[in-house]
């Protein structure tokens, strides 16, 4: 049905309406009016069928994702899109952001259970208070890692202040917002020379060579 409509539309688009005249001056006749009206109706039917087709394709994709576990390596399609966006912006492999997310917070499932104000000291606390002021947070209600790192990419307050990116365009730079966090991680790696030496940049992110090896291993998975 859709194929037939497509063919008809292309044929109709190629026809000059004036060629539908059966006699001189036919533009004012009922025949011309019917043919012109029919063309508009067919075009509208085609448009509606096209929208219906797109709806069914989208629904089918969702069903396949549910039954087959999705076409993308990470469990959640939204996370894969997030990593790919970071790749497009930074030029760094998307698997690196997958690895960082997994290593730092199990993909956002473990954000830490320590009250940040209790574990931070010195300048880190001052940077944290600056974040709290900007985001209107109660400093004593925010929890993070044992070291006081924040959000799904576990970024320390000083690092956040120096490299933070508003990833979703809401006017806020929130370390607990995945879009902000992943693009801030990308910006940090770029600032540390990630395009020239990714391994070294990852070491700056976490100075542990075993950690760096684990993150880099994600490059070999897909």
N, C-alpha and C. Protein backbone atom coordinates (compact mmCIF):
# COMPACT_ATOMS: atom_id res chain seq x y z
N UNK A 1 0.83 -1.20 0.00
CA UNK A 1 0.00 0.00 0.00
C UNK A 1 0.87 1.26 0.00
N UNK A 2 1.89 1.26 0.86
CA UNK A 2 2.77 2.42 0.97
C UNK A 2 3.54 2.62 -0.33
N UNK A 3 4.02 1.52 -0.90
CA UNK A 3 4.77 1.60 -2.16
C UNK A 3 3.90 2.18 -3.26
N UNK A 4 2.65 1.73 -3.33
CA UNK A 4 1.72 2.23 -4.34
C UNK A 4 1.52 3.73 -4.19
N UNK A 5 1.35 4.16 -2.94
CA UNK A 5 1.13 5.58 -2.69
C UNK A 5 2.35 6.40 -3.09
N UNK A 6 3.54 5.87 -2.79
CA UNK A 6 4.76 6.58 -3.16
C UNK A 6 4.84 6.78 -4.67
N UNK A 7 4.57 5.69 -5.41
CA UNK A 7 4.60 5.77 -6.87
C UNK A 7 3.59 6.79 -7.37
N UNK A 8 2.38 6.76 -6.81
CA UNK A 8 1.34 7.69 -7.24
C UNK A 8 1.74 9.13 -6.98
N UNK A 9 2.36 9.36 -5.82
CA UNK A 9 2.76 10.73 -5.48
C UNK A 9 3.80 11.23 -6.46
N UNK A 10 4.80 10.40 -6.76
CA UNK A 10 5.84 10.82 -7.70
C UNK A 10 5.25 11.10 -9.07
N UNK A 11 4.30 10.26 -9.50
CA UNK A 11 3.65 10.49 -10.78
C UNK A 11 2.90 11.80 -10.78
N UNK A 12 2.16 12.03 -9.70
CA UNK A 12 1.39 13.26 -9.59
C UNK A 12 2.28 14.50 -9.54
N UNK A 13 3.42 14.36 -8.86
CA UNK A 13 4.34 15.49 -8.76
C UNK A 13 4.94 15.83 -10.12
N UNK A 14 5.09 14.82 -10.98
CA UNK A 14 5.67 15.05 -12.30
C UNK A 14 4.66 15.63 -13.28
N UNK A 15 3.38 15.41 -12.99
CA UNK A 15 2.35 15.90 -13.91
C UNK A 15 2.15 17.39 -13.77
N UNK A 16 1.97 18.04 -14.86
CA UNK A 16 1.57 19.44 -14.86
C UNK A 16 0.05 19.46 -14.79
N UNK A 17 -0.50 20.18 -13.82
CA UNK A 17 -1.95 20.17 -13.65
C UNK A 17 -2.66 20.59 -14.93
N UNK A 18 -2.01 21.48 -15.69
CA UNK A 18 -2.66 21.94 -16.92
C UNK A 18 -2.84 20.82 -17.92
N UNK A 19 -2.02 19.74 -17.82
CA UNK A 19 -2.13 18.62 -18.74
C UNK A 19 -3.35 17.77 -18.46
N UNK A 20 -4.05 18.03 -17.35
CA UNK A 20 -5.25 17.26 -17.02
C UNK A 20 -6.49 17.80 -17.75
N UNK A 21 -6.31 18.89 -18.48
CA UNK A 21 -7.44 19.47 -19.18
C UNK A 21 -7.88 18.55 -20.32
N UNK A 22 -9.17 18.40 -20.47
CA UNK A 22 -9.70 17.58 -21.55
C UNK A 22 -10.11 18.43 -22.75
N UNK A 23 -10.19 19.73 -22.49
CA UNK A 23 -10.54 20.62 -23.58
C UNK A 23 -10.07 22.01 -23.22
N UNK A 24 -10.01 22.87 -24.19
CA UNK A 24 -9.56 24.23 -23.95
C UNK A 24 -10.46 24.89 -22.92
N UNK A 25 -9.80 25.60 -21.98
CA UNK A 25 -10.57 26.28 -20.94
C UNK A 25 -11.10 25.36 -19.89
N UNK A 26 -10.53 24.17 -19.75
CA UNK A 26 -11.06 23.18 -18.81
C UNK A 26 -10.80 23.55 -17.37
N UNK A 27 -9.94 24.54 -17.11
CA UNK A 27 -9.60 24.89 -15.73
C UNK A 27 -10.83 25.31 -14.95
N UNK A 28 -11.79 25.77 -15.60
CA UNK A 28 -12.99 26.22 -14.91
C UNK A 28 -14.06 25.15 -14.82
N UNK A 29 -13.76 23.95 -15.30
CA UNK A 29 -14.77 22.89 -15.32
C UNK A 29 -14.72 22.08 -14.05
N UNK A 30 -15.79 21.30 -13.82
CA UNK A 30 -15.84 20.42 -12.64
C UNK A 30 -14.82 19.31 -12.74
N UNK A 31 -14.44 18.92 -13.99
CA UNK A 31 -13.45 17.85 -14.14
C UNK A 31 -12.10 18.28 -13.59
N UNK A 32 -11.71 19.50 -13.94
CA UNK A 32 -10.43 20.01 -13.44
C UNK A 32 -10.44 20.12 -11.92
N UNK A 33 -11.56 20.57 -11.38
CA UNK A 33 -11.65 20.71 -9.93
C UNK A 33 -11.52 19.38 -9.21
N UNK A 34 -12.16 18.35 -9.75
CA UNK A 34 -12.10 17.02 -9.13
C UNK A 34 -10.69 16.48 -9.17
N UNK A 35 -10.03 16.64 -10.33
CA UNK A 35 -8.66 16.13 -10.45
C UNK A 35 -7.71 16.85 -9.51
N UNK A 36 -7.85 18.18 -9.39
CA UNK A 36 -7.00 18.94 -8.47
C UNK A 36 -7.25 18.52 -7.03
N UNK A 37 -8.52 18.36 -6.71
CA UNK A 37 -8.88 17.93 -5.35
C UNK A 37 -8.32 16.54 -5.06
N UNK A 38 -8.40 15.64 -6.03
CA UNK A 38 -7.91 14.27 -5.85
C UNK A 38 -6.41 14.26 -5.58
N UNK A 39 -5.70 15.11 -6.27
CA UNK A 39 -4.25 15.17 -6.06
C UNK A 39 -3.93 15.56 -4.63
N UNK A 40 -4.62 16.57 -4.10
CA UNK A 40 -4.38 17.02 -2.73
C UNK A 40 -4.74 15.93 -1.73
N UNK A 41 -5.84 15.24 -1.99
CA UNK A 41 -6.26 14.15 -1.09
C UNK A 41 -5.22 13.05 -1.06
N UNK A 42 -4.72 12.67 -2.24
CA UNK A 42 -3.72 11.59 -2.31
C UNK A 42 -2.45 12.00 -1.58
N UNK A 43 -2.02 13.24 -1.75
CA UNK A 43 -0.82 13.72 -1.05
C UNK A 43 -1.01 13.68 0.46
N UNK A 44 -2.19 14.07 0.91
CA UNK A 44 -2.47 14.05 2.34
C UNK A 44 -2.52 12.62 2.87
N UNK A 45 -3.12 11.72 2.09
CA UNK A 45 -3.16 10.30 2.49
C UNK A 45 -1.74 9.75 2.60
N UNK A 46 -0.90 10.08 1.64
CA UNK A 46 0.47 9.63 1.67
C UNK A 46 1.19 10.14 2.91
N UNK A 47 0.97 11.43 3.25
CA UNK A 47 1.62 12.00 4.44
C UNK A 47 1.20 11.26 5.70
N UNK A 48 -0.10 10.97 5.81
CA UNK A 48 -0.59 10.25 6.99
C UNK A 48 -0.04 8.83 7.05
N UNK A 49 0.03 8.16 5.88
CA UNK A 49 0.58 6.81 5.84
C UNK A 49 2.06 6.80 6.22
N UNK A 50 2.78 7.83 5.80
CA UNK A 50 4.20 7.93 6.14
C UNK A 50 4.39 8.09 7.65
N UNK A 51 3.57 8.94 8.27
CA UNK A 51 3.65 9.12 9.72
C UNK A 51 3.31 7.82 10.44
N UNK A 52 2.31 7.10 9.93
CA UNK A 52 1.93 5.82 10.52
C UNK A 52 3.06 4.81 10.39
N UNK A 53 3.70 4.81 9.25
CA UNK A 53 4.83 3.90 9.01
C UNK A 53 5.96 4.18 9.99
N UNK A 54 6.30 5.47 10.20
CA UNK A 54 7.36 5.83 11.14
C UNK A 54 7.01 5.41 12.56
N UNK A 55 5.72 5.55 12.90
CA UNK A 55 5.27 5.16 14.24
C UNK A 55 5.48 3.66 14.46
N UNK A 56 5.09 2.85 13.46
CA UNK A 56 5.23 1.39 13.61
C UNK A 56 6.69 0.97 13.63
N UNK A 57 7.54 1.65 12.86
CA UNK A 57 8.98 1.33 12.88
C UNK A 57 9.55 1.62 14.26
N UNK A 58 9.18 2.77 14.84
CA UNK A 58 9.67 3.13 16.16
C UNK A 58 9.18 2.13 17.22
N UNK A 59 7.90 1.74 17.10
CA UNK A 59 7.35 0.77 18.06
C UNK A 59 8.04 -0.57 17.93
N UNK A 60 8.31 -0.98 16.70
CA UNK A 60 8.98 -2.26 16.47
C UNK A 60 10.40 -2.24 17.02
N UNK A 61 11.09 -1.12 16.86
CA UNK A 61 12.44 -0.98 17.40
C UNK A 61 12.42 -1.13 18.92
N UNK A 62 11.41 -0.50 19.56
CA UNK A 62 11.30 -0.62 21.00
C UNK A 62 11.06 -2.04 21.45
N UNK A 63 10.20 -2.77 20.73
CA UNK A 63 9.93 -4.17 21.07
C UNK A 63 11.17 -5.03 20.90
N UNK A 64 11.90 -4.81 19.82
CA UNK A 64 13.12 -5.59 19.60
C UNK A 64 14.15 -5.30 20.68
N UNK A 65 14.26 -4.04 21.07
CA UNK A 65 15.20 -3.69 22.14
C UNK A 65 14.83 -4.40 23.43
N UNK A 66 13.52 -4.48 23.70
CA UNK A 66 13.07 -5.12 24.94
C UNK A 66 13.37 -6.62 24.95
N UNK A 67 13.12 -7.28 23.81
CA UNK A 67 13.29 -8.73 23.76
C UNK A 67 14.74 -9.16 23.55
N UNK A 68 15.49 -8.35 22.82
CA UNK A 68 16.85 -8.74 22.49
C UNK A 68 17.91 -8.05 23.34
N UNK A 69 17.48 -7.18 24.25
CA UNK A 69 18.45 -6.51 25.11
C UNK A 69 19.04 -5.25 24.50
N UNK A 70 18.48 -4.81 23.37
CA UNK A 70 18.94 -3.57 22.76
C UNK A 70 20.09 -3.79 21.81
N UNK A 71 20.20 -2.92 20.79
CA UNK A 71 21.24 -3.09 19.79
C UNK A 71 22.59 -2.53 20.20
N UNK A 72 22.66 -1.88 21.35
CA UNK A 72 23.89 -1.21 21.75
C UNK A 72 24.58 -1.96 22.89
N UNK A 73 25.89 -1.86 22.97
CA UNK A 73 26.65 -2.58 24.01
C UNK A 73 26.21 -2.28 25.44
N UNK A 74 26.12 -1.00 25.90
CA UNK A 74 25.65 -0.77 27.26
C UNK A 74 24.21 -1.22 27.42
N UNK A 75 23.82 -1.49 28.65
CA UNK A 75 22.48 -2.00 28.90
C UNK A 75 21.41 -1.00 28.52
N UNK A 76 21.68 0.27 28.71
CA UNK A 76 20.65 1.26 28.46
C UNK A 76 21.01 2.09 27.23
N UNK A 77 20.05 2.18 26.33
CA UNK A 77 20.26 2.92 25.09
C UNK A 77 20.60 4.39 25.37
N UNK A 78 19.96 4.98 26.39
CA UNK A 78 20.20 6.39 26.70
C UNK A 78 21.65 6.63 27.07
N UNK A 79 22.26 5.69 27.80
CA UNK A 79 23.66 5.85 28.18
C UNK A 79 24.56 5.79 26.97
N UNK A 80 24.27 4.88 26.05
CA UNK A 80 25.08 4.78 24.84
C UNK A 80 25.04 6.10 24.07
N UNK A 81 23.84 6.69 23.95
CA UNK A 81 23.72 7.98 23.26
C UNK A 81 24.52 9.06 23.97
N UNK A 82 24.55 8.99 25.29
CA UNK A 82 25.31 9.96 26.08
C UNK A 82 26.80 9.83 25.78
N UNK A 83 27.30 8.60 25.77
CA UNK A 83 28.72 8.37 25.49
C UNK A 83 29.06 8.81 24.05
N UNK A 84 28.16 8.52 23.11
CA UNK A 84 28.42 8.90 21.72
C UNK A 84 28.42 10.41 21.55
N UNK A 85 27.60 11.10 22.32
CA UNK A 85 27.61 12.56 22.25
C UNK A 85 28.94 13.10 22.76
N UNK A 86 29.42 12.53 23.86
CA UNK A 86 30.72 12.95 24.38
C UNK A 86 31.83 12.67 23.36
N UNK A 87 31.70 11.57 22.64
CA UNK A 87 32.69 11.24 21.60
C UNK A 87 32.67 12.28 20.49
N UNK A 88 31.46 12.66 20.04
CA UNK A 88 31.36 13.64 18.95
C UNK A 88 31.96 14.98 19.35
N UNK A 89 31.74 15.37 20.59
CA UNK A 89 32.21 16.68 21.04
C UNK A 89 33.71 16.68 21.31
N UNK A 90 34.21 15.61 21.90
CA UNK A 90 35.61 15.58 22.33
C UNK A 90 36.56 14.94 21.32
N UNK A 91 36.02 14.06 20.47
CA UNK A 91 36.89 13.31 19.57
C UNK A 91 37.53 12.11 20.23
N UNK A 92 37.18 11.84 21.48
CA UNK A 92 37.71 10.68 22.20
C UNK A 92 36.76 9.50 22.04
N UNK A 93 37.26 8.27 22.09
CA UNK A 93 36.40 7.09 21.89
C UNK A 93 35.29 7.01 22.92
N UNK A 94 34.08 6.66 22.46
CA UNK A 94 32.95 6.60 23.38
C UNK A 94 33.14 5.55 24.46
N UNK A 95 33.90 4.49 24.15
CA UNK A 95 34.10 3.42 25.13
C UNK A 95 34.82 3.93 26.39
N UNK A 96 35.62 4.99 26.24
CA UNK A 96 36.32 5.56 27.39
C UNK A 96 35.32 6.11 28.40
N UNK A 97 34.29 6.74 27.93
CA UNK A 97 33.28 7.30 28.84
C UNK A 97 32.44 6.19 29.46
N UNK A 98 32.22 5.15 28.71
CA UNK A 98 31.56 3.96 29.26
C UNK A 98 32.42 3.39 30.39
N UNK A 99 33.72 3.27 30.12
CA UNK A 99 34.63 2.73 31.13
C UNK A 99 34.70 3.59 32.38
N UNK A 100 34.82 4.90 32.20
CA UNK A 100 34.86 5.80 33.36
C UNK A 100 33.57 5.70 34.18
N UNK A 101 32.45 5.69 33.48
CA UNK A 101 31.16 5.63 34.17
C UNK A 101 31.03 4.33 34.96
N UNK A 102 31.47 3.23 34.34
CA UNK A 102 31.38 1.93 35.00
C UNK A 102 32.32 1.85 36.19
N UNK A 103 33.56 2.30 36.01
CA UNK A 103 34.55 2.21 37.08
C UNK A 103 34.24 3.13 38.25
N UNK A 104 33.74 4.31 37.95
CA UNK A 104 33.53 5.31 39.00
C UNK A 104 32.26 5.08 39.81
N UNK A 105 31.19 4.66 39.15
CA UNK A 105 29.93 4.56 39.90
C UNK A 105 29.04 3.42 39.44
N UNK A 106 29.62 2.42 38.77
CA UNK A 106 28.82 1.31 38.22
C UNK A 106 27.69 1.84 37.34
N UNK A 107 28.03 2.79 36.48
CA UNK A 107 27.03 3.35 35.58
C UNK A 107 26.01 4.22 36.27
N UNK A 108 26.41 4.87 37.37
CA UNK A 108 25.52 5.76 38.09
C UNK A 108 24.73 5.09 39.20
N UNK A 109 24.99 3.81 39.45
CA UNK A 109 24.24 3.08 40.47
C UNK A 109 24.81 3.25 41.88
N UNK A 110 26.06 3.68 41.97
CA UNK A 110 26.71 3.83 43.27
C UNK A 110 27.39 5.19 43.33
N UNK A 111 26.70 6.16 43.87
CA UNK A 111 27.21 7.54 43.91
C UNK A 111 27.95 7.86 45.20
N UNK A 112 28.07 6.89 46.08
CA UNK A 112 28.78 7.12 47.34
C UNK A 112 27.84 7.33 48.51
N UNK A 113 28.34 6.98 49.69
CA UNK A 113 27.48 7.05 50.88
C UNK A 113 28.08 7.92 51.99
N UNK A 114 29.09 8.72 51.62
CA UNK A 114 29.75 9.56 52.62
C UNK A 114 29.28 11.01 52.48
N UNK A 115 28.98 11.62 53.62
CA UNK A 115 28.60 13.03 53.58
C UNK A 115 29.84 13.84 53.22
N UNK A 116 29.74 14.57 52.13
CA UNK A 116 30.92 15.22 51.56
C UNK A 116 31.58 16.19 52.54
N UNK A 117 30.80 16.93 53.28
CA UNK A 117 31.38 17.90 54.22
C UNK A 117 32.20 17.22 55.31
N UNK A 118 31.92 15.96 55.56
CA UNK A 118 32.65 15.24 56.62
C UNK A 118 33.99 14.69 56.14
N UNK A 119 34.15 14.52 54.83
CA UNK A 119 35.38 13.88 54.34
C UNK A 119 36.31 14.85 53.63
N UNK A 120 35.81 15.99 53.21
CA UNK A 120 36.67 16.96 52.54
C UNK A 120 37.41 17.81 53.54
N UNK A 121 38.55 18.31 53.10
CA UNK A 121 39.34 19.20 53.95
C UNK A 121 40.01 20.26 53.08
N UNK A 122 40.43 21.34 53.71
CA UNK A 122 41.21 22.36 53.03
C UNK A 122 40.48 22.99 51.86
N UNK A 123 41.24 23.20 50.77
CA UNK A 123 40.69 23.88 49.60
C UNK A 123 39.54 23.11 48.96
N UNK A 124 39.58 21.78 49.04
CA UNK A 124 38.49 21.00 48.44
C UNK A 124 37.15 21.37 49.06
N UNK A 125 37.16 21.62 50.34
CA UNK A 125 35.91 22.01 51.00
C UNK A 125 35.44 23.37 50.50
N UNK A 126 36.39 24.27 50.29
CA UNK A 126 36.03 25.60 49.79
C UNK A 126 35.42 25.50 48.38
N UNK A 127 36.02 24.66 47.54
CA UNK A 127 35.46 24.47 46.20
C UNK A 127 34.07 23.84 46.28
N UNK A 128 33.92 22.91 47.19
CA UNK A 128 32.62 22.26 47.36
C UNK A 128 31.57 23.28 47.80
N UNK A 129 31.91 24.14 48.71
CA UNK A 129 30.97 25.16 49.17
C UNK A 129 30.60 26.11 48.03
N UNK A 130 31.55 26.36 47.15
CA UNK A 130 31.25 27.20 45.98
C UNK A 130 30.22 26.52 45.08
N UNK A 131 30.38 25.21 44.88
CA UNK A 131 29.40 24.46 44.09
C UNK A 131 28.02 24.52 44.76
N UNK A 132 28.00 24.31 46.06
CA UNK A 132 26.73 24.33 46.80
C UNK A 132 26.05 25.69 46.69
N UNK A 133 26.85 26.75 46.73
CA UNK A 133 26.29 28.10 46.61
C UNK A 133 25.69 28.31 45.23
N UNK A 134 26.40 27.87 44.19
CA UNK A 134 25.92 28.06 42.82
C UNK A 134 24.65 27.27 42.55
N UNK A 135 24.54 26.08 43.16
CA UNK A 135 23.40 25.20 42.89
C UNK A 135 22.34 25.25 43.98
N UNK A 136 22.55 26.12 44.96
CA UNK A 136 21.60 26.27 46.06
C UNK A 136 21.39 24.95 46.81
N UNK A 137 22.49 24.29 47.13
CA UNK A 137 22.46 23.04 47.87
C UNK A 137 22.71 23.29 49.36
N UNK A 138 22.20 22.43 50.17
CA UNK A 138 22.58 22.36 51.58
C UNK A 138 23.84 21.48 51.65
N UNK A 139 24.99 22.02 52.00
CA UNK A 139 26.25 21.24 51.98
C UNK A 139 26.18 19.97 52.82
N UNK A 140 25.35 19.97 53.85
CA UNK A 140 25.30 18.81 54.75
C UNK A 140 24.31 17.74 54.28
N UNK A 141 23.74 17.96 53.09
CA UNK A 141 22.81 16.97 52.54
C UNK A 141 23.36 16.28 51.29
N UNK A 142 24.62 16.53 50.96
CA UNK A 142 25.21 16.00 49.74
C UNK A 142 26.17 14.86 50.09
N UNK A 143 26.01 13.74 49.38
CA UNK A 143 26.82 12.56 49.64
C UNK A 143 27.63 12.19 48.40
N UNK A 144 28.83 11.64 48.65
CA UNK A 144 29.71 11.25 47.57
C UNK A 144 30.63 10.12 48.01
N UNK A 145 31.79 10.06 47.38
CA UNK A 145 32.74 8.98 47.67
C UNK A 145 33.50 9.26 48.97
N UNK A 146 34.31 8.30 49.36
CA UNK A 146 35.14 8.45 50.56
C UNK A 146 36.09 9.65 50.44
N UNK A 147 36.45 9.98 49.19
CA UNK A 147 37.35 11.12 48.96
C UNK A 147 36.58 12.43 48.74
N UNK A 148 35.26 12.34 48.72
CA UNK A 148 34.45 13.54 48.50
C UNK A 148 34.16 13.82 47.04
N UNK A 149 34.38 12.83 46.16
CA UNK A 149 34.07 13.00 44.74
C UNK A 149 32.56 12.92 44.53
N UNK A 150 32.10 13.63 43.49
CA UNK A 150 30.66 13.82 43.30
C UNK A 150 30.14 13.22 42.00
N UNK A 151 28.94 12.69 42.06
CA UNK A 151 28.19 12.32 40.87
C UNK A 151 28.61 11.03 40.20
N UNK A 152 27.98 10.72 39.06
CA UNK A 152 28.22 9.45 38.37
C UNK A 152 29.63 9.29 37.82
N UNK A 153 30.35 10.40 37.63
CA UNK A 153 31.73 10.32 37.17
C UNK A 153 32.72 10.66 38.28
N UNK A 154 32.20 10.76 39.51
CA UNK A 154 33.02 10.90 40.72
C UNK A 154 34.14 11.94 40.53
N UNK A 155 33.73 13.19 40.42
CA UNK A 155 34.65 14.29 40.16
C UNK A 155 34.83 15.11 41.43
N UNK A 156 36.07 15.37 41.79
CA UNK A 156 36.36 16.16 42.99
C UNK A 156 35.93 17.61 42.80
N UNK A 157 35.55 18.30 43.88
CA UNK A 157 35.05 19.67 43.76
C UNK A 157 35.98 20.63 43.01
N UNK A 158 37.27 20.59 43.30
CA UNK A 158 38.18 21.50 42.59
C UNK A 158 38.18 21.23 41.09
N UNK A 159 38.23 19.96 40.72
CA UNK A 159 38.20 19.59 39.31
C UNK A 159 36.90 20.06 38.67
N UNK A 160 35.81 19.93 39.40
CA UNK A 160 34.53 20.37 38.86
C UNK A 160 34.52 21.87 38.60
N UNK A 161 34.97 22.64 39.56
CA UNK A 161 34.97 24.10 39.41
C UNK A 161 35.82 24.52 38.21
N UNK A 162 36.94 23.84 38.00
CA UNK A 162 37.87 24.24 36.94
C UNK A 162 37.46 23.77 35.54
N UNK A 163 36.70 22.69 35.44
CA UNK A 163 36.44 22.09 34.13
C UNK A 163 34.96 21.88 33.82
N UNK A 164 34.07 22.27 34.69
CA UNK A 164 32.65 21.94 34.54
C UNK A 164 32.04 22.46 33.24
N UNK A 165 31.15 21.64 32.67
CA UNK A 165 30.43 21.96 31.44
C UNK A 165 28.93 21.79 31.69
N UNK A 166 28.15 22.73 31.17
CA UNK A 166 26.69 22.60 31.21
C UNK A 166 26.27 21.75 30.02
N UNK A 167 26.15 20.45 30.24
CA UNK A 167 25.93 19.53 29.14
C UNK A 167 24.52 19.49 28.59
N UNK A 168 23.53 19.88 29.39
CA UNK A 168 22.15 19.82 28.90
C UNK A 168 21.54 21.20 28.67
N UNK A 169 22.35 22.25 28.81
CA UNK A 169 21.90 23.59 28.48
C UNK A 169 20.84 24.18 29.39
N UNK A 170 20.78 23.70 30.64
CA UNK A 170 19.77 24.24 31.56
C UNK A 170 20.28 25.41 32.40
N UNK A 171 21.50 25.86 32.11
CA UNK A 171 22.06 26.99 32.84
C UNK A 171 22.72 26.62 34.15
N UNK A 172 22.78 25.32 34.46
CA UNK A 172 23.40 24.83 35.68
C UNK A 172 24.51 23.83 35.34
N UNK A 173 25.51 23.78 36.19
CA UNK A 173 26.58 22.78 36.04
C UNK A 173 26.53 21.89 37.27
N UNK A 174 25.80 20.79 37.11
CA UNK A 174 25.48 19.92 38.23
C UNK A 174 26.24 18.60 38.08
N UNK A 175 27.14 18.27 39.03
CA UNK A 175 27.92 17.03 38.91
C UNK A 175 27.08 15.76 39.00
N UNK A 176 25.82 15.88 39.45
CA UNK A 176 24.95 14.71 39.53
C UNK A 176 24.08 14.54 38.27
N UNK A 177 24.14 15.50 37.36
CA UNK A 177 23.41 15.41 36.09
C UNK A 177 24.30 14.68 35.08
N UNK A 178 23.86 13.53 34.56
CA UNK A 178 24.73 12.74 33.67
C UNK A 178 25.29 13.52 32.48
N UNK A 179 24.46 14.36 31.85
CA UNK A 179 24.94 15.11 30.69
C UNK A 179 26.07 16.06 31.08
N UNK A 180 25.91 16.73 32.21
CA UNK A 180 26.96 17.65 32.69
C UNK A 180 28.21 16.86 33.08
N UNK A 181 28.00 15.75 33.76
CA UNK A 181 29.12 14.97 34.27
C UNK A 181 29.97 14.38 33.16
N UNK A 182 29.33 13.79 32.15
CA UNK A 182 30.10 13.12 31.09
C UNK A 182 30.87 14.14 30.25
N UNK A 183 30.26 15.29 29.97
CA UNK A 183 30.97 16.28 29.18
C UNK A 183 32.05 16.99 29.99
N UNK A 184 31.86 17.07 31.30
CA UNK A 184 32.92 17.61 32.15
C UNK A 184 34.10 16.65 32.18
N UNK A 185 33.82 15.35 32.28
CA UNK A 185 34.89 14.35 32.23
C UNK A 185 35.63 14.44 30.90
N UNK A 186 34.87 14.62 29.81
CA UNK A 186 35.50 14.76 28.49
C UNK A 186 36.37 16.00 28.43
N UNK A 187 35.86 17.11 28.96
CA UNK A 187 36.64 18.35 28.96
C UNK A 187 37.92 18.20 29.78
N UNK A 188 37.82 17.51 30.89
CA UNK A 188 39.00 17.29 31.73
C UNK A 188 40.05 16.48 30.97
N UNK A 189 39.63 15.42 30.32
CA UNK A 189 40.58 14.60 29.57
C UNK A 189 41.23 15.40 28.44
N UNK A 190 40.44 16.24 27.79
CA UNK A 190 41.01 17.09 26.74
C UNK A 190 42.03 18.07 27.32
N UNK A 191 41.67 18.68 28.45
CA UNK A 191 42.57 19.64 29.08
C UNK A 191 43.87 18.99 29.54
N UNK A 192 43.81 17.69 29.79
CA UNK A 192 45.00 16.95 30.22
C UNK A 192 45.71 16.27 29.04
N UNK A 193 45.35 16.68 27.82
CA UNK A 193 46.05 16.16 26.65
C UNK A 193 45.54 14.82 26.15
N UNK A 194 44.28 14.53 26.37
CA UNK A 194 43.72 13.23 26.02
C UNK A 194 43.81 12.88 24.54
N UNK A 195 43.76 13.87 23.67
CA UNK A 195 43.84 13.56 22.24
C UNK A 195 45.25 13.15 21.82
N UNK A 196 46.24 13.63 22.56
CA UNK A 196 47.63 13.26 22.25
C UNK A 196 48.07 12.01 23.02
N UNK A 197 47.65 11.90 24.26
CA UNK A 197 48.07 10.77 25.10
C UNK A 197 46.92 10.43 26.05
N UNK A 198 46.03 9.56 25.60
CA UNK A 198 44.84 9.23 26.37
C UNK A 198 45.19 8.54 27.68
N UNK A 199 46.18 7.67 27.65
CA UNK A 199 46.57 6.95 28.86
C UNK A 199 47.04 7.91 29.95
N UNK A 200 47.82 8.89 29.56
CA UNK A 200 48.31 9.88 30.53
C UNK A 200 47.15 10.71 31.09
N UNK A 201 46.22 11.09 30.22
CA UNK A 201 45.08 11.87 30.67
C UNK A 201 44.23 11.09 31.66
N UNK A 202 44.06 9.80 31.40
CA UNK A 202 43.31 8.95 32.34
C UNK A 202 44.04 8.82 33.66
N UNK A 203 45.36 8.81 33.63
CA UNK A 203 46.13 8.74 34.88
C UNK A 203 45.89 10.00 35.71
N UNK A 204 45.75 11.14 35.05
CA UNK A 204 45.42 12.37 35.77
C UNK A 204 44.02 12.26 36.39
N UNK A 205 43.13 11.60 35.69
CA UNK A 205 41.76 11.43 36.21
C UNK A 205 41.79 10.60 37.48
N UNK A 206 42.61 9.55 37.48
CA UNK A 206 42.80 8.70 38.67
C UNK A 206 44.20 8.10 38.59
N UNK A 207 45.13 8.60 39.40
CA UNK A 207 46.53 8.16 39.32
C UNK A 207 46.75 6.73 39.82
N UNK A 208 46.19 5.80 39.09
CA UNK A 208 46.31 4.38 39.42
C UNK A 208 46.40 3.64 38.08
N UNK A 209 47.56 3.04 37.81
CA UNK A 209 47.77 2.42 36.50
C UNK A 209 46.83 1.23 36.26
N UNK A 210 46.46 0.53 37.31
CA UNK A 210 45.50 -0.55 37.14
C UNK A 210 44.13 0.00 36.74
N UNK A 211 43.78 1.14 37.33
CA UNK A 211 42.53 1.81 36.96
C UNK A 211 42.57 2.21 35.49
N UNK A 212 43.68 2.80 35.08
CA UNK A 212 43.83 3.23 33.69
C UNK A 212 43.69 2.04 32.74
N UNK A 213 44.31 0.92 33.09
CA UNK A 213 44.22 -0.29 32.26
C UNK A 213 42.79 -0.79 32.16
N UNK A 214 42.06 -0.73 33.27
CA UNK A 214 40.67 -1.20 33.25
C UNK A 214 39.81 -0.32 32.34
N UNK A 215 40.01 0.99 32.41
CA UNK A 215 39.22 1.88 31.55
C UNK A 215 39.58 1.66 30.09
N UNK A 216 40.86 1.55 29.79
CA UNK A 216 41.30 1.33 28.42
C UNK A 216 40.81 -0.01 27.86
N UNK A 217 40.58 -0.96 28.75
CA UNK A 217 40.12 -2.28 28.29
C UNK A 217 38.75 -2.21 27.64
N UNK A 218 37.98 -1.16 27.92
CA UNK A 218 36.66 -1.00 27.31
C UNK A 218 36.78 -0.75 25.81
N UNK A 219 37.95 -0.27 25.37
CA UNK A 219 38.16 -0.05 23.95
C UNK A 219 38.14 -1.36 23.17
N UNK A 220 38.47 -2.46 23.84
CA UNK A 220 38.57 -3.75 23.18
C UNK A 220 37.27 -4.53 23.19
N UNK A 221 36.25 -3.97 23.88
CA UNK A 221 35.01 -4.73 24.02
C UNK A 221 34.10 -4.58 22.80
N UNK A 222 34.09 -3.38 22.20
CA UNK A 222 33.25 -3.13 21.03
C UNK A 222 33.95 -2.18 20.11
